[in-house]
Protein backbone atom coordinates (compact mmCIF):
# COMPACT_ATOMS: atom_id res chain seq x y z
CA MET A 1 0.12 -0.35 -0.03
CA LEU A 2 1.05 3.66 -0.84
CA ASP A 3 1.66 6.20 2.35
CA MET A 4 1.95 8.72 -0.97
CA ASP A 5 -0.67 9.35 -3.61
CA LYS A 6 2.12 10.61 -5.48
CA GLY A 7 3.74 6.76 -5.40
CA ALA A 8 7.00 7.99 -3.99
CA ARG A 9 9.01 9.83 -0.65
CA ARG A 10 12.33 10.47 -1.34
CA VAL A 11 13.49 13.30 -2.72
CA GLY A 12 17.18 13.98 -2.97
CA GLU A 13 20.20 13.00 -0.80
CA ILE A 14 22.70 14.93 0.72
CA SER A 15 26.20 13.05 1.39
CA SER A 16 29.16 14.22 0.12
CA GLY A 17 30.42 10.33 1.51
CA THR A 18 32.56 12.38 4.17
CA ASN A 19 31.89 11.07 7.60
CA TYR A 20 30.37 13.73 9.44
CA ARG A 21 30.21 13.86 13.43
CA ILE A 22 28.24 15.25 16.99
CA LYS A 23 30.65 15.31 19.54
CA LYS A 24 29.63 14.55 22.25
CA PHE A 25 32.36 14.64 25.18
CA THR A 26 35.04 12.31 23.77
CA LYS A 27 32.37 10.48 21.82
CA LYS A 28 32.48 11.11 18.11
CA ILE A 29 29.18 10.24 16.29
CA ARG A 30 29.16 9.87 12.65
CA LEU A 31 26.68 10.37 10.06
CA LYS A 32 25.92 7.60 7.52
CA ARG A 33 23.47 9.33 5.25
CA LEU A 34 21.50 12.80 5.94
CA HIS A 35 18.23 13.24 2.87
CA LEU A 36 15.28 15.04 2.04
CA GLU A 37 12.56 13.21 1.89
CA GLU A 38 8.59 14.33 2.29
CA GLU A 39 6.44 13.11 5.36
CA THR A 40 3.79 10.77 4.12
CA GLY A 41 0.58 10.06 5.18
CA LYS A 42 -0.92 8.37 8.41
CA SER A 43 -2.18 5.26 8.26
CA ILE A 44 -5.46 4.51 10.60
CA HIS A 45 -6.02 0.56 11.08
CA THR A 46 -10.04 0.56 12.13
CA LYS A 47 -11.85 -3.49 12.49
CA GLU A 48 -12.94 -2.83 9.44
CA SER A 49 -10.25 -1.07 7.22
CA THR A 50 -7.93 1.25 6.90
CA LEU A 51 -7.48 5.23 6.42
CA ILE A 52 -5.10 7.01 5.29
CA ASP A 53 -5.12 10.46 6.27
CA PHE A 54 -2.87 12.98 3.44
CA ASN A 55 -3.44 16.08 6.06
CA ARG A 56 1.06 16.37 6.39
CA ALA A 57 1.76 14.58 3.22
CA GLY A 58 4.22 16.65 1.47
CA ILE A 59 5.46 18.44 4.26
CA PRO A 60 9.73 18.52 3.61
CA LEU A 61 11.56 16.58 6.05
CA ILE A 62 14.75 15.35 6.34
CA GLU A 63 16.53 12.18 7.35
CA ILE A 64 19.79 12.17 9.06
CA VAL A 65 21.03 7.71 9.75
CA THR A 66 24.07 7.35 12.37
CA GLU A 67 26.88 4.89 12.12
CA PRO A 68 26.21 2.40 14.70
CA ASP A 69 29.03 4.55 16.64
CA ILE A 70 26.23 4.01 20.02
CA SER A 71 26.51 1.75 22.74
CA SER A 72 24.74 2.70 25.29
CA VAL A 73 20.91 3.99 25.97
CA GLU A 74 22.54 7.51 27.25
CA GLU A 75 24.62 8.14 24.76
CA ALA A 76 22.07 7.85 22.25
CA ALA A 77 19.75 10.25 24.46
CA SER A 78 22.43 12.66 24.93
CA TYR A 79 22.98 12.46 20.70
CA LEU A 80 19.23 13.09 20.16
CA ILE A 81 19.41 16.41 22.95
CA LYS A 82 22.62 18.24 20.81
CA LEU A 83 21.30 17.09 17.50
CA LYS A 84 17.84 18.60 18.83
CA GLN A 85 19.80 21.39 20.31
CA ILE A 86 21.62 22.14 16.61
CA LEU A 87 18.99 21.90 14.49
CA ARG A 88 16.82 24.31 17.04
CA TYR A 89 19.88 26.58 16.91
CA ILE A 90 20.61 26.91 13.66
CA GLU A 91 16.69 27.22 13.07
CA VAL A 92 16.50 23.94 10.62
CA SER A 93 12.69 23.18 12.68
CA ASN A 94 11.01 23.76 15.93
CA CYS A 95 11.47 19.96 16.97
CA ASP A 96 8.35 19.85 18.51
CA MET A 97 8.12 15.91 19.64
CA GLU A 98 5.18 16.37 20.25
CA LYS A 99 4.32 17.36 17.35
CA GLY A 100 6.38 14.82 15.26
CA ALA A 101 8.63 17.76 13.81
CA PHE A 102 10.87 15.35 15.24
CA ARG A 103 11.03 11.59 15.42
CA CYS A 104 13.30 8.87 15.95
CA GLU A 105 13.32 5.13 14.87
CA PRO A 106 17.05 3.22 17.08
CA ASN A 107 17.36 0.11 15.10
CA ILE A 108 19.17 -2.39 17.91
CA SER A 109 21.46 -4.83 17.33
CA ILE A 110 23.60 -6.62 19.84
CA LYS A 111 26.85 -8.02 19.67
CA LYS A 112 27.95 -10.87 20.28
CA ASP A 113 31.25 -12.61 21.24
CA GLY A 114 32.56 -9.97 17.43
CA LYS A 115 29.22 -11.29 16.15
CA PRO A 116 26.43 -8.92 15.28
CA GLY A 117 23.09 -10.08 16.05
CA VAL A 118 19.89 -9.44 14.27
CA ARG A 119 18.48 -5.64 13.76
CA THR A 120 15.26 -4.25 15.52
CA GLU A 121 13.86 -1.41 14.43
CA ILE A 122 11.09 0.47 16.54
CA LYS A 123 9.50 3.19 14.79
CA ASN A 124 8.23 6.24 15.23
CA LEU A 125 9.29 7.43 18.45
CA ASN A 126 8.75 10.72 19.28
CA SER A 127 9.75 11.99 23.08
CA PHE A 128 13.24 11.39 24.64
CA LYS A 129 11.71 9.23 26.98
CA ALA A 130 10.35 6.57 25.01
CA VAL A 131 13.36 6.69 23.12
CA GLU A 132 15.01 5.80 26.53
CA ARG A 133 12.40 3.09 27.42
CA ALA A 134 12.05 1.50 24.23
CA LEU A 135 16.36 1.17 23.41
CA SER A 136 16.09 -0.22 27.30
CA TYR A 137 13.52 -2.70 26.47
CA GLU A 138 14.95 -4.16 24.11
CA ILE A 139 18.49 -4.53 24.23
CA GLU A 140 17.44 -6.17 27.29
CA ARG A 141 14.84 -8.51 25.31
CA GLN A 142 17.75 -9.25 23.24
CA LYS A 143 19.97 -10.13 25.35
CA LYS A 144 17.78 -12.56 26.86
CA ILE A 145 17.33 -14.27 24.00
CA MET A 146 21.18 -14.69 23.06
CA ARG A 147 21.44 -16.18 26.92
CA SER A 148 18.61 -18.36 26.26
CA LEU A 149 20.72 -19.64 22.92
CA VAL A 150 24.11 -20.20 25.09
CA ASN A 151 24.68 -21.68 27.93
CA ARG A 152 28.14 -20.25 28.88
CA VAL A 153 28.43 -16.16 30.20
CA SER A 154 29.67 -13.96 27.22
CA SER A 155 30.51 -10.35 26.07
CA HIS A 156 27.61 -8.11 24.89
CA HIS A 157 28.11 -5.50 22.63
CA GLU A 158 25.29 -3.11 21.88
CA ARG A 159 25.49 -1.42 18.41
CA ILE A 160 22.54 1.20 18.11
CA ILE A 161 21.99 3.15 14.55
CA LEU A 162 19.54 6.26 15.47
CA LEU A 163 17.03 7.31 12.44
CA THR A 164 16.41 10.63 13.36
CA GLN A 165 13.18 12.64 11.22
CA VAL A 166 13.08 16.43 10.91
CA LEU A 167 10.07 18.74 9.74
CA LEU A 168 11.18 21.49 7.77
């Protein structure tokens, strides 16, 4: 099912292949990609049918994707707070999370003994608390699954990729 009435989303990509960085203390979080998109229609599911609300469809947004440099819930929250401050300061957006102008879709993958795990994406989180709770829950869920599969204790390492959407 299409979520845009014109059948397309991506507007253009802004990336020179350079590694952009946002510093938090000594941690560097590289940006993998920054591209322009358009807001899509919102699906509303009822018992009888699915409706699509196109009221915000077509509004431009920036999608920012990090490299998997984030290794804790605290780093993810710090990055998002700093990113929001920067975007508001340079007047890109008001980043009003309650109105959906700043959303996050974290991807979590737990490495076990150096081997990457299954990546899980959590969609459309619109508050820092929601991001923290969702990441904490998903990290623990994945660790529990890994512990049940292996009887010995081994090291776990979280890899978090943040996809942030900002309405312009």
